[in-house]
Amino acid sequence: MSACIGFWVSKTITAGSLAHFTVIYMDSFGNNVSVATGSEETISTNANVSLSKDLIIGLSNVDVQIVTLTGLGIANFYFNITTAGEYYLHILGSLPGKMVALGRSPFFFKVNPGNVIETFL
């Protein structure tokens, strides 16, 4: 997991919109980890969004959905933050017997304010 590549698909994140982050699983030699190499099923991934770089406890109102592209060694992370601000995406992988942070995790990101919709009663 420490050699995995992670990148933002969503270049600009606006409050209330879906954010997208992708991880390509790689071993310590830079080889893709997939069903073809026989090791994809040994990786379990967890992610959360935090206000702190050091605090891995996630925000309770942000649910990160993980969609793994079976056989390709790729995982996509989707989440929606409704409040503008600065956040960190923490990604941890569970290998047999240990938890490992994804290389360069946590990933900083900024959420820009969204459109304000006013309603009059």
PDB file of N, CA and C in Angstrom:
ATOM      1  N   MET A   1       0.816  -1.202   0.000  1.00  0.00           N
ATOM      2  CA  MET A   1       0.000   0.000   0.000  1.00  0.00           C
ATOM      3  C   MET A   1       0.856   1.260   0.000  1.00  0.00           C
ATOM      4  N   SER A   2       2.043   1.201   0.559  1.00  0.00           N
ATOM      5  CA  SER A   2       2.847   2.421   0.643  1.00  0.00           C
ATOM      6  C   SER A   2       3.305   2.901  -0.725  1.00  0.00           C
ATOM      7  N   ALA A   3       3.303   2.031  -1.732  1.00  0.00           N
ATOM      8  CA  ALA A   3       3.723   2.434  -3.070  1.00  0.00           C
ATOM      9  C   ALA A   3       2.536   2.699  -3.992  1.00  0.00           C
ATOM     10  N   CYS A   4       1.321   2.630  -3.473  1.00  0.00           N
ATOM     11  CA  CYS A   4       0.146   2.877  -4.301  1.00  0.00           C
ATOM     12  C   CYS A   4       0.105   4.320  -4.783  1.00  0.00           C
ATOM     13  N   ILE A   5      -0.591   4.530  -5.878  1.00  0.00           N
ATOM     14  CA  ILE A   5      -0.750   5.866  -6.434  1.00  0.00           C
ATOM     15  C   ILE A   5      -2.176   6.328  -6.172  1.00  0.00           C
ATOM     16  N   GLY A   6      -2.298   7.526  -5.622  1.00  0.00           N
ATOM     17  CA  GLY A   6      -3.616   8.099  -5.386  1.00  0.00           C
ATOM     18  C   GLY A   6      -3.704   9.462  -6.044  1.00  0.00           C
ATOM     19  N   PHE A   7      -4.857   9.780  -6.642  1.00  0.00           N
ATOM     20  CA  PHE A   7      -5.001  11.086  -7.282  1.00  0.00           C
ATOM     21  C   PHE A   7      -6.459  11.516  -7.287  1.00  0.00           C
ATOM     22  N   TRP A   8      -6.655  12.836  -7.304  1.00  0.00           N
ATOM     23  CA  TRP A   8      -7.992  13.416  -7.358  1.00  0.00           C
ATOM     24  C   TRP A   8      -8.504  13.401  -8.785  1.00  0.00           C
ATOM     25  N   VAL A   9      -9.663  12.813  -8.996  1.00  0.00           N
ATOM     26  CA  VAL A   9     -10.339  12.893 -10.284  1.00  0.00           C
ATOM     27  C   VAL A   9     -11.100  14.213 -10.331  1.00  0.00           C
ATOM     28  N   SER A  10     -11.682  14.585  -9.189  1.00  0.00           N
ATOM     29  CA  SER A  10     -12.368  15.879  -9.067  1.00  0.00           C
ATOM     30  C   SER A  10     -11.306  16.948  -8.864  1.00  0.00           C
ATOM     31  N   LYS A  11     -11.105  17.785  -9.846  1.00  0.00           N
ATOM     32  CA  LYS A  11     -10.079  18.830  -9.750  1.00  0.00           C
ATOM     33  C   LYS A  11     -10.527  19.967  -8.844  1.00  0.00           C
ATOM     34  N   THR A  12     -11.805  20.311  -8.902  1.00  0.00           N
ATOM     35  CA  THR A  12     -12.378  21.335  -8.045  1.00  0.00           C
ATOM     36  C   THR A  12     -13.550  20.715  -7.306  1.00  0.00           C
ATOM     37  N   ILE A  13     -13.559  20.861  -5.988  1.00  0.00           N
ATOM     38  CA  ILE A  13     -14.639  20.288  -5.188  1.00  0.00           C
ATOM     39  C   ILE A  13     -15.479  21.436  -4.640  1.00  0.00           C
ATOM     40  N   THR A  14     -16.762  21.380  -4.914  1.00  0.00           N
ATOM     41  CA  THR A  14     -17.698  22.395  -4.459  1.00  0.00           C
ATOM     42  C   THR A  14     -18.623  21.760  -3.428  1.00  0.00           C
ATOM     43  N   ALA A  15     -18.926  22.511  -2.369  1.00  0.00           N
ATOM     44  CA  ALA A  15     -19.813  22.004  -1.318  1.00  0.00           C
ATOM     45  C   ALA A  15     -21.109  21.489  -1.945  1.00  0.00           C
ATOM     46  N   GLY A  16     -21.502  20.294  -1.556  1.00  0.00           N
ATOM     47  CA  GLY A  16     -22.722  19.699  -2.074  1.00  0.00           C
ATOM     48  C   GLY A  16     -22.535  18.870  -3.321  1.00  0.00           C
ATOM     49  N   SER A  17     -21.318  18.866  -3.897  1.00  0.00           N
ATOM     50  CA  SER A  17     -21.080  18.064  -5.102  1.00  0.00           C
ATOM     51  C   SER A  17     -20.289  16.807  -4.738  1.00  0.00           C
ATOM     52  N   LEU A  18     -20.317  15.840  -5.622  1.00  0.00           N
ATOM     53  CA  LEU A  18     -19.643  14.569  -5.390  1.00  0.00           C
ATOM     54  C   LEU A  18     -18.142  14.711  -5.643  1.00  0.00           C
ATOM     55  N   ALA A  19     -17.325  14.327  -4.660  1.00  0.00           N
ATOM     56  CA  ALA A  19     -15.867  14.318  -4.819  1.00  0.00           C
ATOM     57  C   ALA A  19     -15.444  12.907  -5.222  1.00  0.00           C
ATOM     58  N   HIS A  20     -14.391  12.817  -6.045  1.00  0.00           N
ATOM     59  CA  HIS A  20     -13.937  11.527  -6.577  1.00  0.00           C
ATOM     60  C   HIS A  20     -12.418  11.436  -6.461  1.00  0.00           C
ATOM     61  N   PHE A  21     -11.940  10.382  -5.800  1.00  0.00           N
ATOM     62  CA  PHE A  21     -10.513  10.123  -5.625  1.00  0.00           C
ATOM     63  C   PHE A  21     -10.266   8.686  -6.061  1.00  0.00           C
ATOM     64  N   THR A  22      -9.176   8.439  -6.785  1.00  0.00           N
ATOM     65  CA  THR A  22      -8.861   7.097  -7.282  1.00  0.00           C
ATOM     66  C   THR A  22      -7.521   6.618  -6.740  1.00  0.00           C
ATOM     67  N   VAL A  23      -7.462   5.328  -6.435  1.00  0.00           N
ATOM     68  CA  VAL A  23      -6.228   4.688  -5.991  1.00  0.00           C
ATOM     69  C   VAL A  23      -5.913   3.524  -6.917  1.00  0.00           C
ATOM     70  N   ILE A  24      -4.661   3.463  -7.359  1.00  0.00           N
ATOM     71  CA  ILE A  24      -4.167   2.315  -8.127  1.00  0.00           C
ATOM     72  C   ILE A  24      -3.242   1.549  -7.193  1.00  0.00           C
ATOM     73  N   TYR A  25      -3.622   0.306  -6.891  1.00  0.00           N
ATOM     74  CA  TYR A  25      -2.825  -0.519  -5.984  1.00  0.00           C
ATOM     75  C   TYR A  25      -1.520  -0.940  -6.647  1.00  0.00           C
ATOM     76  N   MET A  26      -0.412  -0.720  -5.929  1.00  0.00           N
ATOM     77  CA  MET A  26       0.901  -1.116  -6.443  1.00  0.00           C
ATOM     78  C   MET A  26       1.703  -1.742  -5.304  1.00  0.00           C
ATOM     79  N   ASP A  27       2.605  -2.651  -5.656  1.00  0.00           N
ATOM     80  CA  ASP A  27       3.472  -3.231  -4.634  1.00  0.00           C
ATOM     81  C   ASP A  27       4.711  -2.348  -4.469  1.00  0.00           C
ATOM     82  N   SER A  28       5.610  -2.753  -3.600  1.00  0.00           N
ATOM     83  CA  SER A  28       6.793  -1.935  -3.308  1.00  0.00           C
ATOM     84  C   SER A  28       7.751  -1.810  -4.495  1.00  0.00           C
ATOM     85  N   PHE A  29       7.544  -2.605  -5.532  1.00  0.00           N
ATOM     86  CA  PHE A  29       8.386  -2.528  -6.729  1.00  0.00           C
ATOM     87  C   PHE A  29       7.735  -1.710  -7.843  1.00  0.00           C
ATOM     88  N   GLY A  30       6.530  -1.167  -7.577  1.00  0.00           N
ATOM     89  CA  GLY A  30       5.831  -0.363  -8.570  1.00  0.00           C
ATOM     90  C   GLY A  30       4.985  -1.166  -9.542  1.00  0.00           C
ATOM     91  N   ASN A  31       4.780  -2.457  -9.252  1.00  0.00           N
ATOM     92  CA  ASN A  31       3.945  -3.294 -10.112  1.00  0.00           C
ATOM     93  C   ASN A  31       2.482  -3.169  -9.691  1.00  0.00           C
ATOM     94  N   ASN A  32       1.568  -3.180 -10.671  1.00  0.00           N
ATOM     95  CA  ASN A  32       0.146  -3.153 -10.346  1.00  0.00           C
ATOM     96  C   ASN A  32      -0.222  -4.398  -9.551  1.00  0.00           C
ATOM     97  N   VAL A  33      -1.066  -4.208  -8.557  1.00  0.00           N
ATOM     98  CA  VAL A  33      -1.546  -5.321  -7.753  1.00  0.00           C
ATOM     99  C   VAL A  33      -2.967  -5.586  -8.209  1.00  0.00           C
ATOM    100  N   SER A  34      -3.196  -6.746  -8.793  1.00  0.00           N
ATOM    101  CA  SER A  34      -4.510  -7.072  -9.326  1.00  0.00           C
ATOM    102  C   SER A  34      -4.724  -8.574  -9.245  1.00  0.00           C
ATOM    103  N   VAL A  35      -5.878  -9.011  -9.729  1.00  0.00           N
ATOM    104  CA  VAL A  35      -6.158 -10.436  -9.764  1.00  0.00           C
ATOM    105  C   VAL A  35      -5.110 -11.146 -10.624  1.00  0.00           C
ATOM    106  N   ALA A  36      -4.611 -10.470 -11.645  1.00  0.00           N
ATOM    107  CA  ALA A  36      -3.600 -11.073 -12.519  1.00  0.00           C
ATOM    108  C   ALA A  36      -2.341 -11.444 -11.747  1.00  0.00           C
ATOM    109  N   THR A  37      -2.027 -10.668 -10.700  1.00  0.00           N
ATOM    110  CA  THR A  37      -0.849 -10.981  -9.899  1.00  0.00           C
ATOM    111  C   THR A  37      -1.212 -11.858  -8.709  1.00  0.00           C
ATOM    112  N   GLY A  38      -2.510 -12.130  -8.539  1.00  0.00           N
ATOM    113  CA  GLY A  38      -2.941 -13.018  -7.470  1.00  0.00           C
ATOM    114  C   GLY A  38      -3.000 -12.380  -6.098  1.00  0.00           C
ATOM    115  N   SER A  39      -2.946 -11.048  -6.009  1.00  0.00           N
ATOM    116  CA  SER A  39      -2.889 -10.450  -4.681  1.00  0.00           C
ATOM    117  C   SER A  39      -3.972  -9.412  -4.395  1.00  0.00           C
ATOM    118  N   GLU A  40      -4.847  -9.122  -5.336  1.00  0.00           N
ATOM    119  CA  GLU A  40      -5.846  -8.081  -5.105  1.00  0.00           C
ATOM    120  C   GLU A  40      -6.771  -8.416  -3.943  1.00  0.00           C
ATOM    121  N   GLU A  41      -7.181  -9.653  -3.811  1.00  0.00           N
ATOM    122  CA  GLU A  41      -8.149  -9.996  -2.787  1.00  0.00           C
ATOM    123  C   GLU A  41      -7.592  -9.912  -1.368  1.00  0.00           C
ATOM    124  N   THR A  42      -6.290  -9.732  -1.218  1.00  0.00           N
ATOM    125  CA  THR A  42      -5.704  -9.632   0.116  1.00  0.00           C
ATOM    126  C   THR A  42      -5.722  -8.201   0.646  1.00  0.00           C
ATOM    127  N   ILE A  43      -6.159  -7.219  -0.169  1.00  0.00           N
ATOM    128  CA  ILE A  43      -6.175  -5.817   0.243  1.00  0.00           C
ATOM    129  C   ILE A  43      -7.596  -5.400   0.574  1.00  0.00           C
ATOM    130  N   SER A  44      -7.763  -4.849   1.764  1.00  0.00           N
ATOM    131  CA  SER A  44      -9.041  -4.273   2.160  1.00  0.00           C
ATOM    132  C   SER A  44      -8.772  -2.804   2.437  1.00  0.00           C
ATOM    133  N   THR A  45      -9.572  -1.911   1.870  1.00  0.00           N
ATOM    134  CA  THR A  45      -9.301  -0.483   1.972  1.00  0.00           C
ATOM    135  C   THR A  45     -10.378   0.206   2.800  1.00  0.00           C
ATOM    136  N   ASN A  46      -9.941   1.179   3.604  1.00  0.00           N
ATOM    137  CA  ASN A  46     -10.840   1.995   4.402  1.00  0.00           C
ATOM    138  C   ASN A  46     -10.456   3.448   4.191  1.00  0.00           C
ATOM    139  N   ALA A  47     -11.431   4.340   4.237  1.00  0.00           N
ATOM    140  CA  ALA A  47     -11.146   5.760   4.039  1.00  0.00           C
ATOM    141  C   ALA A  47     -12.082   6.597   4.887  1.00  0.00           C
ATOM    142  N   ASN A  48     -11.594   7.762   5.309  1.00  0.00           N
ATOM    143  CA  ASN A  48     -12.460   8.722   5.981  1.00  0.00           C
ATOM    144  C   ASN A  48     -11.942  10.124   5.750  1.00  0.00           C
ATOM    145  N   VAL A  49     -12.812  11.089   6.011  1.00  0.00           N
ATOM    146  CA  VAL A  49     -12.495  12.496   5.845  1.00  0.00           C
ATOM    147  C   VAL A  49     -12.382  13.121   7.223  1.00  0.00           C
ATOM    148  N   SER A  50     -11.323  13.908   7.417  1.00  0.00           N
ATOM    149  CA  SER A  50     -11.038  14.503   8.718  1.00  0.00           C
ATOM    150  C   SER A  50     -10.700  15.979   8.552  1.00  0.00           C
ATOM    151  N   LEU A  51     -10.859  16.735   9.630  1.00  0.00           N
ATOM    152  CA  LEU A  51     -10.440  18.140   9.641  1.00  0.00           C
ATOM    153  C   LEU A  51      -8.959  18.274   9.948  1.00  0.00           C
ATOM    154  N   SER A  52      -8.318  17.187  10.370  1.00  0.00           N
ATOM    155  CA  SER A  52      -6.932  17.232  10.820  1.00  0.00           C
ATOM    156  C   SER A  52      -6.052  16.295  10.006  1.00  0.00           C
ATOM    157  N   LYS A  53      -4.837  16.727   9.772  1.00  0.00           N
ATOM    158  CA  LYS A  53      -3.863  15.886   9.080  1.00  0.00           C
ATOM    159  C   LYS A  53      -3.449  14.709   9.957  1.00  0.00           C
ATOM    160  N   ASP A  54      -3.419  14.939  11.275  1.00  0.00           N
ATOM    161  CA  ASP A  54      -2.934  13.917  12.193  1.00  0.00           C
ATOM    162  C   ASP A  54      -4.036  13.057  12.800  1.00  0.00           C
ATOM    163  N   LEU A  55      -5.240  13.595  12.883  1.00  0.00           N
ATOM    164  CA  LEU A  55      -6.339  12.875  13.512  1.00  0.00           C
ATOM    165  C   LEU A  55      -7.083  12.076  12.466  1.00  0.00           C
ATOM    166  N   ILE A  56      -7.037  10.768  12.577  1.00  0.00           N
ATOM    167  CA  ILE A  56      -7.619   9.906  11.560  1.00  0.00           C
ATOM    168  C   ILE A  56      -9.109   9.664  11.815  1.00  0.00           C
ATOM    169  N   ILE A  57      -9.636  10.109  12.946  1.00  0.00           N
ATOM    170  CA  ILE A  57     -11.057   9.921  13.222  1.00  0.00           C
ATOM    171  C   ILE A  57     -11.858  10.743  12.214  1.00  0.00           C
ATOM    172  N   GLY A  58     -12.720  10.082  11.481  1.00  0.00           N
ATOM    173  CA  GLY A  58     -13.452  10.748  10.413  1.00  0.00           C
ATOM    174  C   GLY A  58     -14.639  11.553  10.897  1.00  0.00           C
ATOM    175  N   LEU A  59     -15.083  12.470  10.061  1.00  0.00           N
ATOM    176  CA  LEU A  59     -16.288  13.243  10.346  1.00  0.00           C
ATOM    177  C   LEU A  59     -17.487  12.309  10.255  1.00  0.00           C
ATOM    178  N   SER A  60     -18.363  12.390  11.228  1.00  0.00           N
ATOM    179  CA  SER A  60     -19.488  11.451  11.276  1.00  0.00           C
ATOM    180  C   SER A  60     -20.518  11.681  10.179  1.00  0.00           C
ATOM    181  N   ASN A  61     -20.572  12.883   9.620  1.00  0.00           N
ATOM    182  CA  ASN A  61     -21.580  13.172   8.600  1.00  0.00           C
ATOM    183  C   ASN A  61     -21.077  12.992   7.170  1.00  0.00           C
ATOM    184  N   VAL A  62     -19.883  12.434   6.989  1.00  0.00           N
ATOM    185  CA  VAL A  62     -19.344  12.201   5.645  1.00  0.00           C
ATOM    186  C   VAL A  62     -19.153  10.696   5.451  1.00  0.00           C
ATOM    187  N   ASP A  63     -19.901  10.138   4.523  1.00  0.00           N
ATOM    188  CA  ASP A  63     -19.831   8.717   4.231  1.00  0.00           C
ATOM    189  C   ASP A  63     -19.034   8.525   2.951  1.00  0.00           C
ATOM    190  N   VAL A  64     -17.918   7.808   3.040  1.00  0.00           N
ATOM    191  CA  VAL A  64     -17.081   7.558   1.863  1.00  0.00           C
ATOM    192  C   VAL A  64     -17.481   6.215   1.261  1.00  0.00           C
ATOM    193  N   GLN A  65     -17.933   6.251   0.003  1.00  0.00           N
ATOM    194  CA  GLN A  65     -18.288   5.029  -0.719  1.00  0.00           C
ATOM    195  C   GLN A  65     -17.073   4.568  -1.523  1.00  0.00           C
ATOM    196  N   ILE A  66     -16.732   3.295  -1.396  1.00  0.00           N
ATOM    197  CA  ILE A  66     -15.577   2.742  -2.099  1.00  0.00           C
ATOM    198  C   ILE A  66     -16.071   1.762  -3.161  1.00  0.00           C
ATOM    199  N   VAL A  67     -15.682   2.014  -4.410  1.00  0.00           N
ATOM    200  CA  VAL A  67     -16.051   1.140  -5.521  1.00  0.00           C
ATOM    201  C   VAL A  67     -14.765   0.570  -6.111  1.00  0.00           C
ATOM    202  N   THR A  68     -14.580  -0.733  -5.962  1.00  0.00           N
ATOM    203  CA  THR A  68     -13.374  -1.387  -6.471  1.00  0.00           C
ATOM    204  C   THR A  68     -13.650  -1.952  -7.861  1.00  0.00           C
ATOM    205  N   LEU A  69     -12.762  -1.664  -8.791  1.00  0.00           N
ATOM    206  CA  LEU A  69     -12.874  -2.235 -10.126  1.00  0.00           C
ATOM    207  C   LEU A  69     -12.236  -3.621 -10.086  1.00  0.00           C
ATOM    208  N   THR A  70     -13.063  -4.604  -9.925  1.00  0.00           N
ATOM    209  CA  THR A  70     -12.617  -5.972  -9.721  1.00  0.00           C
ATOM    210  C   THR A  70     -11.655  -6.421 -10.809  1.00  0.00           C
ATOM    211  N   GLY A  71     -10.535  -6.939 -10.379  1.00  0.00           N
ATOM    212  CA  GLY A  71      -9.555  -7.482 -11.302  1.00  0.00           C
ATOM    213  C   GLY A  71      -8.547  -6.488 -11.829  1.00  0.00           C
ATOM    214  N   LEU A  72      -8.789  -5.194 -11.640  1.00  0.00           N
ATOM    215  CA  LEU A  72      -7.887  -4.194 -12.190  1.00  0.00           C
ATOM    216  C   LEU A  72      -6.959  -3.570 -11.157  1.00  0.00           C
ATOM    217  N   GLY A  73      -7.200  -3.804  -9.877  1.00  0.00           N
ATOM    218  CA  GLY A  73      -6.356  -3.204  -8.846  1.00  0.00           C
ATOM    219  C   GLY A  73      -6.587  -1.710  -8.688  1.00  0.00           C
ATOM    220  N   ILE A  74      -7.817  -1.265  -8.911  1.00  0.00           N
ATOM    221  CA  ILE A  74      -8.163   0.150  -8.812  1.00  0.00           C
ATOM    222  C   ILE A  74      -9.354   0.301  -7.875  1.00  0.00           C
ATOM    223  N   ALA A  75      -9.302   1.311  -7.014  1.00  0.00           N
ATOM    224  CA  ALA A  75     -10.438   1.624  -6.150  1.00  0.00           C
ATOM    225  C   ALA A  75     -10.793   3.093  -6.324  1.00  0.00           C
ATOM    226  N   ASN A  76     -12.081   3.371  -6.419  1.00  0.00           N
ATOM    227  CA  ASN A  76     -12.580   4.734  -6.531  1.00  0.00           C
ATOM    228  C   ASN A  76     -13.300   5.099  -5.242  1.00  0.00           C
ATOM    229  N   PHE A  77     -13.045   6.289  -4.731  1.00  0.00           N
ATOM    230  CA  PHE A  77     -13.633   6.775  -3.492  1.00  0.00           C
ATOM    231  C   PHE A  77     -14.525   7.958  -3.829  1.00  0.00           C
ATOM    232  N   TYR A  78     -15.780   7.908  -3.383  1.00  0.00           N
ATOM    233  CA  TYR A  78     -16.741   8.970  -3.654  1.00  0.00           C
ATOM    234  C   TYR A  78     -17.317   9.474  -2.337  1.00  0.00           C
ATOM    235  N   PHE A  79     -17.438  10.781  -2.202  1.00  0.00           N
ATOM    236  CA  PHE A  79     -18.071  11.337  -1.014  1.00  0.00           C
ATOM    237  C   PHE A  79     -18.577  12.733  -1.317  1.00  0.00           C
ATOM    238  N   ASN A  80     -19.462  13.212  -0.448  1.00  0.00           N
ATOM    239  CA  ASN A  80     -20.092  14.506  -0.630  1.00  0.00           C
ATOM    240  C   ASN A  80     -19.940  15.296   0.662  1.00  0.00           C
ATOM    241  N   ILE A  81     -19.332  16.468   0.576  1.00  0.00           N
ATOM    242  CA  ILE A  81     -19.193  17.349   1.741  1.00  0.00           C
ATOM    243  C   ILE A  81     -20.035  18.586   1.472  1.00  0.00           C
ATOM    244  N   THR A  82     -20.870  18.928   2.436  1.00  0.00           N
ATOM    245  CA  THR A  82     -21.804  20.035   2.228  1.00  0.00           C
ATOM    246  C   THR A  82     -21.333  21.349   2.827  1.00  0.00           C
ATOM    247  N   THR A  83     -20.194  21.342   3.511  1.00  0.00           N
ATOM    248  CA  THR A  83     -19.674  22.557   4.137  1.00  0.00           C
ATOM    249  C   THR A  83     -18.309  22.900   3.541  1.00  0.00           C
ATOM    250  N   ALA A  84     -18.155  24.156   3.093  1.00  0.00           N
ATOM    251  CA  ALA A  84     -16.872  24.602   2.543  1.00  0.00           C
ATOM    252  C   ALA A  84     -15.811  24.585   3.646  1.00  0.00           C
ATOM    253  N   GLY A  85     -14.575  24.327   3.253  1.00  0.00           N
ATOM    254  CA  GLY A  85     -13.480  24.315   4.212  1.00  0.00           C
ATOM    255  C   GLY A  85     -12.318  23.481   3.711  1.00  0.00           C
ATOM    256  N   GLU A  86     -11.360  23.247   4.604  1.00  0.00           N
ATOM    257  CA  GLU A  86     -10.174  22.448   4.279  1.00  0.00           C
ATOM    258  C   GLU A  86     -10.250  21.121   5.021  1.00  0.00           C
ATOM    259  N   TYR A  87      -9.963  20.043   4.302  1.00  0.00           N
ATOM    260  CA  TYR A  87     -10.118  18.705   4.847  1.00  0.00           C
ATOM    261  C   TYR A  87      -8.952  17.820   4.430  1.00  0.00           C
ATOM    262  N   TYR A  88      -8.926  16.618   5.005  1.00  0.00           N
ATOM    263  CA  TYR A  88      -7.941  15.595   4.656  1.00  0.00           C
ATOM    264  C   TYR A  88      -8.650  14.278   4.414  1.00  0.00           C
ATOM    265  N   LEU A  89      -8.276  13.589   3.344  1.00  0.00           N
ATOM    266  CA  LEU A  89      -8.779  12.252   3.063  1.00  0.00           C
ATOM    267  C   LEU A  89      -7.713  11.266   3.519  1.00  0.00           C
ATOM    268  N   HIS A  90      -8.056  10.451   4.514  1.00  0.00           N
ATOM    269  CA  HIS A  90      -7.152   9.427   5.031  1.00  0.00           C
ATOM    270  C   HIS A  90      -7.532   8.093   4.403  1.00  0.00           C
ATOM    271  N   ILE A  91      -6.555   7.401   3.821  1.00  0.00           N
ATOM    272  CA  ILE A  91      -6.811   6.097   3.213  1.00  0.00           C
ATOM    273  C   ILE A  91      -5.881   5.082   3.853  1.00  0.00           C
ATOM    274  N   LEU A  92      -6.490   4.040   4.405  1.00  0.00           N
ATOM    275  CA  LEU A  92      -5.738   2.965   5.042  1.00  0.00           C
ATOM    276  C   LEU A  92      -6.069   1.658   4.346  1.00  0.00           C
ATOM    277  N   GLY A  93      -5.069   0.808   4.225  1.00  0.00           N
ATOM    278  CA  GLY A  93      -5.268  -0.512   3.649  1.00  0.00           C
ATOM    279  C   GLY A  93      -4.961  -1.565   4.679  1.00  0.00           C
ATOM    280  N   SER A  94      -5.716  -2.628   4.646  1.00  0.00           N
ATOM    281  CA  SER A  94      -5.499  -3.729   5.566  1.00  0.00           C
ATOM    282  C   SER A  94      -4.892  -4.889   4.791  1.00  0.00           C
ATOM    283  N   LEU A  95      -3.650  -5.155   5.092  1.00  0.00           N
ATOM    284  CA  LEU A  95      -2.982  -6.320   4.522  1.00  0.00           C
ATOM    285  C   LEU A  95      -2.994  -7.398   5.604  1.00  0.00           C
ATOM    286  N   PRO A  96      -2.785  -8.634   5.262  1.00  0.00           N
ATOM    287  CA  PRO A  96      -2.826  -9.669   6.295  1.00  0.00           C
ATOM    288  C   PRO A  96      -1.916  -9.317   7.478  1.00  0.00           C
ATOM    289  N   GLY A  97      -2.553  -9.099   8.641  1.00  0.00           N
ATOM    290  CA  GLY A  97      -1.794  -8.858   9.862  1.00  0.00           C
ATOM    291  C   GLY A  97      -1.437  -7.421  10.175  1.00  0.00           C
ATOM    292  N   LYS A  98      -1.744  -6.444   9.294  1.00  0.00           N
ATOM    293  CA  LYS A  98      -1.368  -5.065   9.614  1.00  0.00           C
ATOM    294  C   LYS A  98      -2.183  -4.050   8.817  1.00  0.00           C
ATOM    295  N   MET A  99      -2.300  -2.835   9.392  1.00  0.00           N
ATOM    296  CA  MET A  99      -2.928  -1.701   8.705  1.00  0.00           C
ATOM    297  C   MET A  99      -1.803  -0.820   8.175  1.00  0.00           C
ATOM    298  N   VAL A 100      -1.936  -0.376   6.931  1.00  0.00           N
ATOM    299  CA  VAL A 100      -0.906   0.429   6.293  1.00  0.00           C
ATOM    300  C   VAL A 100      -1.556   1.653   5.658  1.00  0.00           C
ATOM    301  N   ALA A 101      -0.960   2.844   5.874  1.00  0.00           N
ATOM    302  CA  ALA A 101      -1.465   4.056   5.225  1.00  0.00           C
ATOM    303  C   ALA A 101      -1.016   4.073   3.773  1.00  0.00           C
ATOM    304  N   LEU A 102      -1.895   4.524   2.916  1.00  0.00           N
ATOM    305  CA  LEU A 102      -1.541   4.697   1.517  1.00  0.00           C
ATOM    306  C   LEU A 102      -0.436   5.733   1.418  1.00  0.00           C
ATOM    307  N   GLY A 103       0.546   5.500   0.565  1.00  0.00           N
ATOM    308  CA  GLY A 103       1.639   6.447   0.397  1.00  0.00           C
ATOM    309  C   GLY A 103       1.123   7.859   0.182  1.00  0.00           C
ATOM    310  N   ARG A 104       1.669   8.812   0.896  1.00  0.00           N
ATOM    311  CA  ARG A 104       1.301  10.232   0.863  1.00  0.00           C
ATOM    312  C   ARG A 104      -0.059  10.522   1.487  1.00  0.00           C
ATOM    313  N   SER A 105      -0.686   9.558   2.119  1.00  0.00           N
ATOM    314  CA  SER A 105      -1.936   9.809   2.832  1.00  0.00           C
ATOM    315  C   SER A 105      -1.592  10.452   4.177  1.00  0.00           C
ATOM    316  N   PRO A 106      -2.330  11.435   4.634  1.00  0.00           N
ATOM    317  CA  PRO A 106      -3.612  11.912   4.139  1.00  0.00           C
ATOM    318  C   PRO A 106      -3.456  12.881   2.972  1.00  0.00           C
ATOM    319  N   PHE A 107      -4.517  12.971   2.180  1.00  0.00           N
ATOM    320  CA  PHE A 107      -4.540  13.843   1.008  1.00  0.00           C
ATOM    321  C   PHE A 107      -5.357  15.090   1.323  1.00  0.00           C
ATOM    322  N   PHE A 108      -4.718  16.244   1.240  1.00  0.00           N
ATOM    323  CA  PHE A 108      -5.380  17.515   1.518  1.00  0.00           C
ATOM    324  C   PHE A 108      -6.305  17.885   0.372  1.00  0.00           C
ATOM    325  N   PHE A 109      -7.443  18.482   0.706  1.00  0.00           N
ATOM    326  CA  PHE A 109      -8.305  19.043  -0.326  1.00  0.00           C
ATOM    327  C   PHE A 109      -9.122  20.186   0.259  1.00  0.00           C
ATOM    328  N   LYS A 110      -9.542  21.061  -0.622  1.00  0.00           N
ATOM    329  CA  LYS A 110     -10.318  22.229  -0.228  1.00  0.00           C
ATOM    330  C   LYS A 110     -11.686  22.147  -0.885  1.00  0.00           C
ATOM    331  N   VAL A 111     -12.703  22.437  -0.089  1.00  0.00           N
ATOM    332  CA  VAL A 111     -14.066  22.452  -0.603  1.00  0.00           C
ATOM    333  C   VAL A 111     -14.498  23.905  -0.734  1.00  0.00           C
ATOM    334  N   ASN A 112     -14.850  24.292  -1.946  1.00  0.00           N
ATOM    335  CA  ASN A 112     -15.291  25.662  -2.215  1.00  0.00           C
ATOM    336  C   ASN A 112     -16.779  25.800  -1.899  1.00  0.00           C
ATOM    337  N   PRO A 113     -17.204  27.013  -1.549  1.00  0.00           N
ATOM    338  CA  PRO A 113     -18.639  27.216  -1.281  1.00  0.00           C
ATOM    339  C   PRO A 113     -19.470  26.890  -2.515  1.00  0.00           C
ATOM    340  N   GLY A 114     -20.659  26.357  -2.292  1.00  0.00           N
ATOM    341  CA  GLY A 114     -21.579  26.053  -3.393  1.00  0.00           C
ATOM    342  C   GLY A 114     -22.542  27.201  -3.583  1.00  0.00           C
ATOM    343  N   ASN A 115     -23.476  27.018  -4.482  1.00  0.00           N
ATOM    344  CA  ASN A 115     -24.486  28.036  -4.736  1.00  0.00           C
ATOM    345  C   ASN A 115     -25.472  28.094  -3.575  1.00  0.00           C
ATOM    346  N   VAL A 116     -25.827  29.280  -3.191  1.00  0.00           N
ATOM    347  CA  VAL A 116     -26.810  29.473  -2.129  1.00  0.00           C
ATOM    348  C   VAL A 116     -28.170  29.614  -2.780  1.00  0.00           C
ATOM    349  N   ILE A 117     -29.091  28.780  -2.359  1.00  0.00           N
ATOM    350  CA  ILE A 117     -30.450  28.817  -2.899  1.00  0.00           C
ATOM    351  C   ILE A 117     -31.348  29.392  -1.809  1.00  0.00           C
ATOM    352  N   GLU A 118     -31.962  30.506  -2.096  1.00  0.00           N
ATOM    353  CA  GLU A 118     -32.847  31.132  -1.131  1.00  0.00           C
ATOM    354  C   GLU A 118     -34.284  30.788  -1.456  1.00  0.00           C
ATOM    355  N   THR A 119     -35.040  30.499  -0.424  1.00  0.00           N
ATOM    356  CA  THR A 119     -36.461  30.262  -0.609  1.00  0.00           C
ATOM    357  C   THR A 119     -37.223  31.266   0.239  1.00  0.00           C
ATOM    358  N   PHE A 120     -38.315  31.718  -0.260  1.00  0.00           N
ATOM    359  CA  PHE A 120     -39.138  32.676   0.461  1.00  0.00           C
ATOM    360  C   PHE A 120     -40.468  32.010   0.778  1.00  0.00           C
ATOM    361  N   LEU A 121     -40.876  32.152   2.017  1.00  0.00           N
ATOM    362  CA  LEU A 121     -42.162  31.560   2.418  1.00  0.00           C
ATOM    363  C   LEU A 121     -43.231  32.605   2.455  1.00  0.00           C
TER     364      LEU A 121
END
